[in-house]
């Protein structure tokens, strides 16, 4: 297995540990200890930590162990404002550029979430939710937008997960997603922009509280 692939897998595990609260803001990541616990060498562990640092989930420190990032409320709000703008733009462009197959694939993610929402592990449901939003960005067919959206989505990962758990509302989440799919199928850029703004404004309210 290539080190890069292994590093991605380690990053996925560490990301999940952060979301589940096994690793909390300010906690150090001991490279040697974590590598030994996962049964991997320090090289892919080091690369995984760099991946999470780029995402804003980990803070690197010279000559010291990296720590789980603890962004301020103001920083989280700033990132969310940008993310909302990016997702609205993604939705508008997807209405114009997405293929029918891409819209069908987005709808399938929504259907999977609808079918499993009540029984899924909260983290699995959250990851499926994020797949839905990433798929819309991908369907916008703008590489700069896809890259920027991915970066901001990663930085909002923990805050978005915690907000989703504090306001876990089946009707709101699935209802908005269903409206987004309907707007995509109708190629209605104004409708999708309104729905995405409402959907993520609820998230802003959850973070502010």
Protein backbone atom coordinates (compact mmCIF):
# COMPACT_ATOMS: atom_id res chain seq x y z
CA UNK A 1 0.00 0.00 0.00
CA UNK A 2 1.46 3.39 -0.98
CA UNK A 3 2.34 5.76 1.83
CA UNK A 4 0.11 8.46 0.32
CA UNK A 5 -2.92 6.16 0.39
CA UNK A 6 -2.10 5.03 3.90
CA UNK A 7 -1.67 8.66 4.99
CA UNK A 8 -5.15 9.45 3.66
CA UNK A 9 -6.59 6.52 5.62
CA UNK A 10 -4.83 7.64 8.80
CA UNK A 11 -6.11 11.19 8.25
CA UNK A 12 -9.64 9.81 7.89
CA UNK A 13 -9.30 7.97 11.21
CA UNK A 14 -7.89 10.98 13.02
CA UNK A 15 -10.62 13.18 11.54
CA UNK A 16 -13.25 10.78 12.88
CA UNK A 17 -11.54 10.76 16.29
CA UNK A 18 -11.77 14.55 16.32
CA UNK A 19 -15.45 14.52 15.40
CA UNK A 20 -16.28 11.83 17.96
CA UNK A 21 -14.49 13.77 20.71
CA UNK A 22 -11.73 11.22 21.25
CA UNK A 23 -9.39 14.07 20.33
CA UNK A 24 -10.44 17.50 21.56
CA UNK A 25 -9.27 21.05 20.74
CA UNK A 26 -5.88 21.64 22.32
CA UNK A 27 -5.02 17.94 22.65
CA UNK A 28 -1.55 17.07 21.36
CA UNK A 29 -1.04 14.43 18.69
CA UNK A 30 1.95 12.33 19.67
CA UNK A 31 3.32 11.18 16.34
CA UNK A 32 5.18 8.15 17.71
CA UNK A 33 2.41 7.06 20.08
CA UNK A 34 -0.34 7.41 17.51
CA UNK A 35 1.70 5.58 14.88
CA UNK A 36 2.32 2.71 17.30
CA UNK A 37 -1.35 2.58 18.29
CA UNK A 38 -2.43 2.33 14.63
CA UNK A 39 0.37 -0.09 13.73
CA UNK A 40 1.90 2.19 11.10
CA UNK A 41 5.25 3.89 10.63
CA UNK A 42 5.83 7.52 11.50
CA UNK A 43 6.18 8.62 7.86
CA UNK A 44 2.51 8.19 6.83
CA UNK A 45 1.43 9.43 10.27
CA UNK A 46 3.44 12.61 9.69
CA UNK A 47 1.86 13.04 6.25
CA UNK A 48 -1.63 12.48 7.71
CA UNK A 49 -1.00 15.20 10.26
CA UNK A 50 0.05 17.55 7.45
CA UNK A 51 -3.20 16.76 5.61
CA UNK A 52 -5.24 17.69 8.69
CA UNK A 53 -3.14 20.82 9.22
CA UNK A 54 -4.01 21.97 5.67
CA UNK A 55 -7.66 21.40 6.52
CA UNK A 56 -7.36 23.54 9.63
CA UNK A 57 -8.13 20.66 11.98
CA UNK A 58 -4.59 20.49 13.39
CA UNK A 59 -2.16 23.24 14.38
CA UNK A 60 1.54 22.57 13.74
CA UNK A 61 4.07 23.84 16.29
CA UNK A 62 7.86 24.16 15.80
CA UNK A 63 9.78 21.51 17.77
CA UNK A 64 6.60 20.47 19.61
CA UNK A 65 3.78 18.02 19.03
CA UNK A 66 0.96 19.34 16.84
CA UNK A 67 -2.35 19.97 18.58
CA UNK A 68 -6.00 19.72 17.60
CA UNK A 69 -7.00 23.18 16.39
CA UNK A 70 -9.25 25.38 18.51
CA UNK A 71 -10.58 28.08 16.17
CA UNK A 72 -12.35 31.05 17.71
CA UNK A 73 -16.08 31.61 17.27
CA UNK A 74 -15.27 34.62 15.10
CA UNK A 75 -13.03 32.52 12.82
CA UNK A 76 -15.73 29.87 12.48
CA UNK A 77 -18.31 32.50 11.53
CA UNK A 78 -15.93 34.03 8.97
CA UNK A 79 -15.31 30.64 7.35
CA UNK A 80 -19.02 29.83 7.34
CA UNK A 81 -19.89 33.09 5.60
CA UNK A 82 -17.47 32.17 2.80
CA UNK A 83 -18.73 28.57 2.68
CA UNK A 84 -22.33 29.74 2.30
CA UNK A 85 -21.33 31.93 -0.65
CA UNK A 86 -19.39 29.06 -2.23
CA UNK A 87 -22.27 26.59 -1.86
CA UNK A 88 -24.77 29.03 -3.32
CA UNK A 89 -22.46 29.57 -6.31
CA UNK A 90 -21.99 25.79 -6.60
CA UNK A 91 -25.74 25.31 -6.72
CA UNK A 92 -26.27 28.01 -9.33
CA UNK A 93 -23.52 26.65 -11.59
CA UNK A 94 -24.67 23.05 -11.11
CA UNK A 95 -28.13 24.03 -12.35
CA UNK A 96 -26.53 25.23 -15.58
CA UNK A 97 -23.72 22.69 -16.00
CA UNK A 98 -24.55 19.41 -14.27
CA UNK A 99 -25.30 16.43 -16.46
CA UNK A 100 -28.48 14.44 -15.93
CA UNK A 101 -26.34 11.58 -14.62
CA UNK A 102 -24.70 13.87 -12.06
CA UNK A 103 -28.06 15.10 -10.84
CA UNK A 104 -29.25 11.50 -10.59
CA UNK A 105 -26.15 10.68 -8.52
CA UNK A 106 -26.84 13.61 -6.17
CA UNK A 107 -30.43 12.43 -5.84
CA UNK A 108 -29.20 8.91 -4.97
CA UNK A 109 -27.08 10.31 -2.12
CA UNK A 110 -30.18 12.10 -0.85
CA UNK A 111 -32.24 8.91 -1.12
CA UNK A 112 -29.57 6.96 0.78
CA UNK A 113 -29.67 9.54 3.56
CA UNK A 114 -33.48 9.48 3.66
CA UNK A 115 -33.56 5.69 3.87
CA UNK A 116 -30.95 5.42 6.60
CA UNK A 117 -31.19 8.68 8.54
CA UNK A 118 -33.05 7.31 11.56
CA UNK A 119 -30.82 4.25 12.01
CA UNK A 120 -27.41 5.51 10.88
CA UNK A 121 -24.54 6.27 13.19
CA UNK A 122 -24.57 10.11 13.47
CA UNK A 123 -21.06 10.35 12.02
CA UNK A 124 -21.98 8.18 9.03
CA UNK A 125 -25.06 10.34 8.41
CA UNK A 126 -22.92 13.47 8.64
CA UNK A 127 -20.36 12.11 6.19
CA UNK A 128 -23.14 11.23 3.75
CA UNK A 129 -24.54 14.75 4.18
CA UNK A 130 -21.12 16.18 3.28
CA UNK A 131 -20.93 13.88 0.24
CA UNK A 132 -24.17 15.47 -0.94
CA UNK A 133 -22.69 18.98 -0.72
CA UNK A 134 -19.39 17.93 -2.31
CA UNK A 135 -21.27 16.33 -5.21
CA UNK A 136 -23.09 19.59 -5.93
CA UNK A 137 -19.78 21.47 -5.95
CA UNK A 138 -18.30 18.87 -8.30
CA UNK A 139 -21.31 19.24 -10.62
CA UNK A 140 -20.54 22.96 -10.95
CA UNK A 141 -17.57 21.99 -13.16
CA UNK A 142 -15.31 24.79 -11.95
CA UNK A 143 -11.98 23.50 -10.67
CA UNK A 144 -11.16 26.64 -8.68
CA UNK A 145 -14.55 26.52 -6.99
CA UNK A 146 -14.28 22.79 -6.24
CA UNK A 147 -10.84 23.25 -4.66
CA UNK A 148 -11.87 26.28 -2.60
CA UNK A 149 -15.13 24.69 -1.48
CA UNK A 150 -13.29 21.54 -0.39
CA UNK A 151 -10.82 23.59 1.65
CA UNK A 152 -13.52 25.58 3.46
CA UNK A 153 -15.70 22.53 3.99
CA UNK A 154 -12.74 20.78 5.65
CA UNK A 155 -12.12 23.76 7.93
CA UNK A 156 -15.78 23.73 8.98
CA UNK A 157 -15.86 19.94 9.49
CA UNK A 158 -15.89 19.82 13.31
CA UNK A 159 -18.07 22.90 13.84
CA UNK A 160 -20.56 21.67 11.26
CA UNK A 161 -20.71 18.21 12.80
CA UNK A 162 -21.28 19.57 16.32
CA UNK A 163 -23.96 21.96 15.08
CA UNK A 164 -25.68 19.12 13.21
CA UNK A 165 -25.77 17.04 16.39
CA UNK A 166 -27.06 19.86 18.58
CA UNK A 167 -29.90 20.54 16.15
CA UNK A 168 -30.48 17.12 14.64
CA UNK A 169 -33.71 17.74 12.74
CA UNK A 170 -34.75 15.15 10.21
CA UNK A 171 -37.39 17.31 8.53
CA UNK A 172 -35.08 20.31 8.14
CA UNK A 173 -32.07 18.41 6.77
CA UNK A 174 -33.92 16.03 4.47
CA UNK A 175 -36.53 18.59 3.48
CA UNK A 176 -33.92 21.09 2.36
CA UNK A 177 -31.93 18.42 0.53
CA UNK A 178 -35.08 17.31 -1.27
CA UNK A 179 -35.79 20.90 -2.34
CA UNK A 180 -32.21 21.22 -3.60
CA UNK A 181 -32.61 18.08 -5.74
CA UNK A 182 -35.94 19.38 -7.08
CA UNK A 183 -34.34 22.70 -8.00
CA UNK A 184 -31.45 20.91 -9.71
CA UNK A 185 -33.80 18.80 -11.81
CA UNK A 186 -35.72 21.94 -12.78
CA UNK A 187 -32.46 23.81 -13.50
CA UNK A 188 -33.85 26.56 -11.25
CA UNK A 189 -30.83 28.56 -10.08
CA UNK A 190 -32.88 31.03 -8.02
CA UNK A 191 -34.72 28.27 -6.15
CA UNK A 192 -31.55 26.37 -5.34
CA UNK A 193 -29.82 29.56 -4.15
CA UNK A 194 -32.72 30.34 -1.80
CA UNK A 195 -32.81 26.82 -0.40
CA UNK A 196 -29.06 26.55 0.15
CA UNK A 197 -28.99 29.94 1.87
CA UNK A 198 -31.83 28.91 4.17
CA UNK A 199 -30.21 25.53 4.85
CA UNK A 200 -26.85 27.01 5.81
CA UNK A 201 -28.29 30.04 7.62
CA UNK A 202 -29.80 27.53 10.04
CA UNK A 203 -26.27 26.23 10.55
CA UNK A 204 -25.03 29.77 11.26
CA UNK A 205 -27.73 30.12 13.91
CA UNK A 206 -26.72 26.81 15.48
CA UNK A 207 -23.06 27.86 15.65
CA UNK A 208 -23.93 31.27 17.10
CA UNK A 209 -25.83 29.60 19.91
